[in-house]
Amino acid sequence: MALLKVVFLLLVAAEFSQSQSFHMYSCPTPSLQVNFNVTQYLGTWYEIQKLPAMFERGDCVQAKYSLLADGQVRVHNSELLSNGKINSIEGTAKILDPTQPAVLSVSFFRALPDSPYMVLSTDYTSYSLVYSCSDYLGLFHIDFAWILSRTRQLNSATVSQLRDKLTAMGVDVKRLSVTDQTDCGAMVSA
């Protein structure tokens, strides 16, 4: 009973804070990018829209992926904070199951468990739709979603199609926020 109270309080706090996406029950099982090729996915991706994430506070959010000698993927995420400073973090990603190459396991801190990074859809050259979900005892889950682009802008028709895919899997797209990708000159070296 005490566990249910804690879960309830977490869900209520999350709704009021608008900083995460908490939901009852287990994670959904989304359709993944068919024949995902991690090598084609490498390079820079810019965040166009996202579900709220307490670990992202800035504008001009971008991710750079590069191949490491051991076959893992180097992940370098950066953002421009309101004070003009660049905030960045580096981690690694790896494919755990070769039969599901569109599901990567991402780690930024050794002491914390890895997070799933599921590529739902990409054409490798202009857009990517990414989803992440962590299940807690089957009672609730926390999810994240990102619409990414190879450029700082993505045409509205593509954004609309990607939002429709999220809606079809039960994601509340009204919670997606647009990432400001203007005045990002300081990010060139990030």
C-alpha atoms as a PDB file:
ATOM      1  CA  MET A   1       0.000   0.000   0.000  1.00  0.00           C
ATOM      2  CA  ALA A   2       2.856   2.389   0.815  1.00  0.00           C
ATOM      3  CA  LEU A   3       4.348   1.742  -2.638  1.00  0.00           C
ATOM      4  CA  LEU A   4       1.080   2.731  -4.311  1.00  0.00           C
ATOM      5  CA  LYS A   5       1.031   5.977  -2.336  1.00  0.00           C
ATOM      6  CA  VAL A   6       4.576   6.769  -3.454  1.00  0.00           C
ATOM      7  CA  VAL A   7       3.700   6.012  -7.076  1.00  0.00           C
ATOM      8  CA  PHE A   8       0.590   8.182  -6.843  1.00  0.00           C
ATOM      9  CA  LEU A   9       2.552  11.079  -5.347  1.00  0.00           C
ATOM     10  CA  LEU A  10       5.202  10.780  -8.076  1.00  0.00           C
ATOM     11  CA  LEU A  11       2.541  10.883 -10.775  1.00  0.00           C
ATOM     12  CA  VAL A  12       0.819  13.896  -9.232  1.00  0.00           C
ATOM     13  CA  ALA A  13       4.133  15.728  -8.810  1.00  0.00           C
ATOM     14  CA  ALA A  14       5.067  14.979 -12.420  1.00  0.00           C
ATOM     15  CA  GLU A  15       1.792  16.312 -13.756  1.00  0.00           C
ATOM     16  CA  PHE A  16       2.212  19.565 -11.838  1.00  0.00           C
ATOM     17  CA  SER A  17       5.866  19.972 -12.719  1.00  0.00           C
ATOM     18  CA  GLN A  18       5.349  19.235 -16.431  1.00  0.00           C
ATOM     19  CA  SER A  19       8.979  18.097 -16.472  1.00  0.00           C
ATOM     20  CA  GLN A  20       8.516  14.420 -17.313  1.00  0.00           C
ATOM     21  CA  SER A  21       5.964  12.137 -18.907  1.00  0.00           C
ATOM     22  CA  PHE A  22       4.731   9.664 -16.299  1.00  0.00           C
ATOM     23  CA  HIS A  23       2.057   7.129 -17.265  1.00  0.00           C
ATOM     24  CA  MET A  24       0.318   4.226 -15.598  1.00  0.00           C
ATOM     25  CA  TYR A  25       1.235   0.646 -16.471  1.00  0.00           C
ATOM     26  CA  SER A  26       4.007  -0.722 -18.681  1.00  0.00           C
ATOM     27  CA  CYS A  27       5.736   0.867 -21.678  1.00  0.00           C
ATOM     28  CA  PRO A  28       4.121   0.487 -25.094  1.00  0.00           C
ATOM     29  CA  THR A  29       5.836  -1.669 -27.709  1.00  0.00           C
ATOM     30  CA  PRO A  30       6.366   0.640 -30.684  1.00  0.00           C
ATOM     31  CA  SER A  31       7.123  -0.293 -34.283  1.00  0.00           C
ATOM     32  CA  LEU A  32      10.807   0.227 -35.001  1.00  0.00           C
ATOM     33  CA  GLN A  33      12.746   1.380 -38.052  1.00  0.00           C
ATOM     34  CA  VAL A  34      13.103  -1.620 -40.354  1.00  0.00           C
ATOM     35  CA  ASN A  35      16.667  -2.598 -41.310  1.00  0.00           C
ATOM     36  CA  PHE A  36      18.170   0.139 -39.152  1.00  0.00           C
ATOM     37  CA  ASN A  37      21.770   0.949 -40.102  1.00  0.00           C
ATOM     38  CA  VAL A  38      23.685   2.623 -37.279  1.00  0.00           C
ATOM     39  CA  THR A  39      26.523   3.680 -39.591  1.00  0.00           C
ATOM     40  CA  GLN A  40      24.127   5.723 -41.749  1.00  0.00           C
ATOM     41  CA  TYR A  41      22.710   7.256 -38.553  1.00  0.00           C
ATOM     42  CA  LEU A  42      26.055   8.668 -37.379  1.00  0.00           C
ATOM     43  CA  GLY A  43      26.638  12.408 -37.535  1.00  0.00           C
ATOM     44  CA  THR A  44      24.812  15.430 -36.158  1.00  0.00           C
ATOM     45  CA  TRP A  45      21.091  15.554 -35.361  1.00  0.00           C
ATOM     46  CA  TYR A  46      19.222  18.668 -34.198  1.00  0.00           C
ATOM     47  CA  GLU A  47      16.273  18.501 -31.827  1.00  0.00           C
ATOM     48  CA  ILE A  48      13.089  19.910 -33.380  1.00  0.00           C
ATOM     49  CA  GLN A  49      10.486  18.807 -30.802  1.00  0.00           C
ATOM     50  CA  LYS A  50      10.543  16.725 -27.613  1.00  0.00           C
ATOM     51  CA  LEU A  51       8.512  15.468 -24.706  1.00  0.00           C
ATOM     52  CA  PRO A  52       9.488  17.276 -21.490  1.00  0.00           C
ATOM     53  CA  ALA A  53      12.803  16.135 -20.071  1.00  0.00           C
ATOM     54  CA  MET A  54      14.171  17.569 -16.842  1.00  0.00           C
ATOM     55  CA  PHE A  55      17.727  16.983 -18.088  1.00  0.00           C
ATOM     56  CA  GLU A  56      17.239  19.325 -21.079  1.00  0.00           C
ATOM     57  CA  ARG A  57      16.945  22.998 -20.185  1.00  0.00           C
ATOM     58  CA  GLY A  58      18.443  24.881 -23.103  1.00  0.00           C
ATOM     59  CA  ASP A  59      17.963  25.811 -26.730  1.00  0.00           C
ATOM     60  CA  CYS A  60      19.880  24.736 -29.828  1.00  0.00           C
ATOM     61  CA  VAL A  61      19.905  21.122 -28.606  1.00  0.00           C
ATOM     62  CA  GLN A  62      21.955  18.794 -30.771  1.00  0.00           C
ATOM     63  CA  ALA A  63      23.408  15.302 -30.643  1.00  0.00           C
ATOM     64  CA  LYS A  64      26.541  14.070 -32.402  1.00  0.00           C
ATOM     65  CA  TYR A  65      27.046  10.346 -32.932  1.00  0.00           C
ATOM     66  CA  SER A  66      30.366   8.818 -33.972  1.00  0.00           C
ATOM     67  CA  LEU A  67      31.716   5.284 -34.092  1.00  0.00           C
ATOM     68  CA  LEU A  68      34.227   4.185 -31.451  1.00  0.00           C
ATOM     69  CA  ALA A  69      37.003   1.666 -32.072  1.00  0.00           C
ATOM     70  CA  ASP A  70      35.160  -1.006 -30.041  1.00  0.00           C
ATOM     71  CA  GLY A  71      32.025  -0.721 -32.203  1.00  0.00           C
ATOM     72  CA  GLN A  72      30.033   1.308 -29.702  1.00  0.00           C
ATOM     73  CA  VAL A  73      28.671   4.744 -30.585  1.00  0.00           C
ATOM     74  CA  ARG A  74      29.975   7.895 -28.936  1.00  0.00           C
ATOM     75  CA  VAL A  75      27.071  10.175 -27.963  1.00  0.00           C
ATOM     76  CA  HIS A  76      27.758  13.887 -27.460  1.00  0.00           C
ATOM     77  CA  ASN A  77      24.677  15.932 -26.526  1.00  0.00           C
ATOM     78  CA  SER A  78      24.862  19.697 -26.143  1.00  0.00           C
ATOM     79  CA  GLU A  79      22.572  22.654 -25.558  1.00  0.00           C
ATOM     80  CA  LEU A  80      22.851  26.426 -25.235  1.00  0.00           C
ATOM     81  CA  LEU A  81      21.731  27.658 -21.803  1.00  0.00           C
ATOM     82  CA  SER A  82      19.980  30.981 -21.226  1.00  0.00           C
ATOM     83  CA  ASN A  83      23.176  32.428 -19.704  1.00  0.00           C
ATOM     84  CA  GLY A  84      25.016  31.824 -22.997  1.00  0.00           C
ATOM     85  CA  LYS A  85      27.027  28.839 -21.750  1.00  0.00           C
ATOM     86  CA  ILE A  86      27.128  25.510 -23.546  1.00  0.00           C
ATOM     87  CA  ASN A  87      26.055  22.519 -21.478  1.00  0.00           C
ATOM     88  CA  SER A  88      27.118  19.128 -22.795  1.00  0.00           C
ATOM     89  CA  ILE A  89      27.318  15.494 -21.797  1.00  0.00           C
ATOM     90  CA  GLU A  90      29.039  12.521 -23.343  1.00  0.00           C
ATOM     91  CA  GLY A  91      28.040   8.878 -23.241  1.00  0.00           C
ATOM     92  CA  THR A  92      27.979   5.683 -25.251  1.00  0.00           C
ATOM     93  CA  ALA A  93      25.332   3.697 -27.073  1.00  0.00           C
ATOM     94  CA  LYS A  94      25.361   0.094 -28.163  1.00  0.00           C
ATOM     95  CA  ILE A  95      23.089  -2.356 -29.906  1.00  0.00           C
ATOM     96  CA  LEU A  96      22.372  -5.146 -27.440  1.00  0.00           C
ATOM     97  CA  ASP A  97      20.380  -7.410 -29.750  1.00  0.00           C
ATOM     98  CA  PRO A  98      21.509  -7.657 -33.398  1.00  0.00           C
ATOM     99  CA  THR A  99      17.982  -8.761 -34.362  1.00  0.00           C
ATOM    100  CA  GLN A 100      16.739  -5.337 -33.157  1.00  0.00           C
ATOM    101  CA  PRO A 101      19.411  -2.880 -34.314  1.00  0.00           C
ATOM    102  CA  ALA A 102      17.009   0.087 -33.979  1.00  0.00           C
ATOM    103  CA  VAL A 103      17.062  -0.345 -30.186  1.00  0.00           C
ATOM    104  CA  LEU A 104      20.210   1.039 -28.635  1.00  0.00           C
ATOM    105  CA  SER A 105      21.185   1.091 -24.985  1.00  0.00           C
ATOM    106  CA  VAL A 106      22.541   4.501 -23.970  1.00  0.00           C
ATOM    107  CA  SER A 107      24.659   5.224 -20.918  1.00  0.00           C
ATOM    108  CA  PHE A 108      25.809   8.595 -19.615  1.00  0.00           C
ATOM    109  CA  PHE A 109      26.699   7.612 -16.042  1.00  0.00           C
ATOM    110  CA  ARG A 110      28.224   4.314 -14.917  1.00  0.00           C
ATOM    111  CA  ALA A 111      26.240   4.286 -11.657  1.00  0.00           C
ATOM    112  CA  LEU A 112      22.867   4.566 -13.403  1.00  0.00           C
ATOM    113  CA  PRO A 113      21.141   1.977 -15.559  1.00  0.00           C
ATOM    114  CA  ASP A 114      21.261   2.386 -19.331  1.00  0.00           C
ATOM    115  CA  SER A 115      18.294   3.913 -21.132  1.00  0.00           C
ATOM    116  CA  PRO A 116      16.670   2.570 -24.279  1.00  0.00           C
ATOM    117  CA  TYR A 117      16.985   4.655 -27.458  1.00  0.00           C
ATOM    118  CA  MET A 118      14.500   3.359 -30.015  1.00  0.00           C
ATOM    119  CA  VAL A 119      14.634   4.678 -33.561  1.00  0.00           C
ATOM    120  CA  LEU A 120      11.040   4.471 -34.742  1.00  0.00           C
ATOM    121  CA  SER A 121      11.546   6.082 -38.111  1.00  0.00           C
ATOM    122  CA  THR A 122      14.373   7.724 -40.054  1.00  0.00           C
ATOM    123  CA  ASP A 123      15.436   8.400 -43.626  1.00  0.00           C
ATOM    124  CA  TYR A 124      19.004   9.035 -42.339  1.00  0.00           C
ATOM    125  CA  THR A 125      19.336  12.259 -44.352  1.00  0.00           C
ATOM    126  CA  SER A 126      16.629  14.567 -43.011  1.00  0.00           C
ATOM    127  CA  TYR A 127      14.563  13.246 -40.073  1.00  0.00           C
ATOM    128  CA  SER A 128      14.510  10.789 -37.189  1.00  0.00           C
ATOM    129  CA  LEU A 129      11.816   9.886 -34.673  1.00  0.00           C
ATOM    130  CA  VAL A 130      13.205   8.529 -31.399  1.00  0.00           C
ATOM    131  CA  TYR A 131      11.381   7.104 -28.388  1.00  0.00           C
ATOM    132  CA  SER A 132      12.618   6.010 -24.974  1.00  0.00           C
ATOM    133  CA  CYS A 133      10.618   4.381 -22.219  1.00  0.00           C
ATOM    134  CA  SER A 134      11.525   2.962 -18.833  1.00  0.00           C
ATOM    135  CA  ASP A 135       9.113   0.677 -16.996  1.00  0.00           C
ATOM    136  CA  TYR A 136       8.883   0.637 -13.187  1.00  0.00           C
ATOM    137  CA  LEU A 137       7.494  -2.611 -11.768  1.00  0.00           C
ATOM    138  CA  GLY A 138       4.757  -2.616 -14.393  1.00  0.00           C
ATOM    139  CA  LEU A 139       2.993   0.052 -12.324  1.00  0.00           C
ATOM    140  CA  PHE A 140       4.067   3.087 -14.319  1.00  0.00           C
ATOM    141  CA  HIS A 141       6.515   4.198 -16.970  1.00  0.00           C
ATOM    142  CA  ILE A 142       8.395   7.343 -17.929  1.00  0.00           C
ATOM    143  CA  ASP A 143       8.819   8.116 -21.591  1.00  0.00           C
ATOM    144  CA  PHE A 144      10.654  10.548 -23.805  1.00  0.00           C
ATOM    145  CA  ALA A 145      10.304  11.292 -27.500  1.00  0.00           C
ATOM    146  CA  TRP A 146      12.339  13.388 -29.885  1.00  0.00           C
ATOM    147  CA  ILE A 147      11.779  14.594 -33.417  1.00  0.00           C
ATOM    148  CA  LEU A 148      15.231  15.181 -34.877  1.00  0.00           C
ATOM    149  CA  SER A 149      16.547  16.686 -38.098  1.00  0.00           C
ATOM    150  CA  ARG A 150      19.874  16.858 -39.909  1.00  0.00           C
ATOM    151  CA  THR A 151      19.328  20.629 -40.109  1.00  0.00           C
ATOM    152  CA  ARG A 152      18.054  23.123 -37.535  1.00  0.00           C
ATOM    153  CA  GLN A 153      14.689  23.252 -39.320  1.00  0.00           C
ATOM    154  CA  LEU A 154      12.361  20.469 -40.483  1.00  0.00           C
ATOM    155  CA  ASN A 155       9.455  20.968 -42.855  1.00  0.00           C
ATOM    156  CA  SER A 156       6.042  21.017 -41.215  1.00  0.00           C
ATOM    157  CA  ALA A 157       4.667  18.115 -43.292  1.00  0.00           C
ATOM    158  CA  THR A 158       7.380  15.783 -41.982  1.00  0.00           C
ATOM    159  CA  VAL A 159       6.899  17.022 -38.405  1.00  0.00           C
ATOM    160  CA  SER A 160       3.163  16.373 -38.745  1.00  0.00           C
ATOM    161  CA  GLN A 161       3.735  12.813 -40.016  1.00  0.00           C
ATOM    162  CA  LEU A 162       6.103  12.062 -37.136  1.00  0.00           C
ATOM    163  CA  ARG A 163       3.651  13.492 -34.599  1.00  0.00           C
ATOM    164  CA  ASP A 164       0.963  11.243 -36.122  1.00  0.00           C
ATOM    165  CA  LYS A 165       3.201   8.197 -35.531  1.00  0.00           C
ATOM    166  CA  LEU A 166       3.588   9.168 -31.888  1.00  0.00           C
ATOM    167  CA  THR A 167      -0.163   9.684 -31.532  1.00  0.00           C
ATOM    168  CA  ALA A 168      -0.816   6.223 -33.017  1.00  0.00           C
ATOM    169  CA  MET A 169       1.271   4.652 -30.259  1.00  0.00           C
ATOM    170  CA  GLY A 170      -0.511   6.590 -27.522  1.00  0.00           C
ATOM    171  CA  VAL A 171       1.892   9.489 -26.939  1.00  0.00           C
ATOM    172  CA  ASP A 172       0.164  12.772 -26.030  1.00  0.00           C
ATOM    173  CA  VAL A 173       1.685  15.025 -28.697  1.00  0.00           C
ATOM    174  CA  LYS A 174       0.137  18.100 -27.061  1.00  0.00           C
ATOM    175  CA  ARG A 175       2.979  17.733 -24.549  1.00  0.00           C
ATOM    176  CA  LEU A 176       5.668  18.031 -27.227  1.00  0.00           C
ATOM    177  CA  SER A 177       7.573  21.292 -27.048  1.00  0.00           C
ATOM    178  CA  VAL A 178       9.357  23.009 -29.913  1.00  0.00           C
ATOM    179  CA  THR A 179      13.101  23.434 -29.439  1.00  0.00           C
ATOM    180  CA  ASP A 180      14.400  26.876 -30.357  1.00  0.00           C
ATOM    181  CA  GLN A 181      17.071  26.377 -33.014  1.00  0.00           C
ATOM    182  CA  THR A 182      17.640  30.078 -33.802  1.00  0.00           C
ATOM    183  CA  ASP A 183      20.676  32.143 -32.770  1.00  0.00           C
ATOM    184  CA  CYS A 184      22.772  29.004 -32.308  1.00  0.00           C
ATOM    185  CA  GLY A 185      26.092  30.423 -33.502  1.00  0.00           C
ATOM    186  CA  ALA A 186      27.845  29.518 -30.235  1.00  0.00           C
ATOM    187  CA  MET A 187      26.999  25.854 -30.855  1.00  0.00           C
ATOM    188  CA  VAL A 188      29.234  25.512 -33.926  1.00  0.00           C
ATOM    189  CA  SER A 189      32.125  24.218 -31.822  1.00  0.00           C
ATOM    190  CA  ALA A 190      29.992  22.154 -29.429  1.00  0.00           C
END
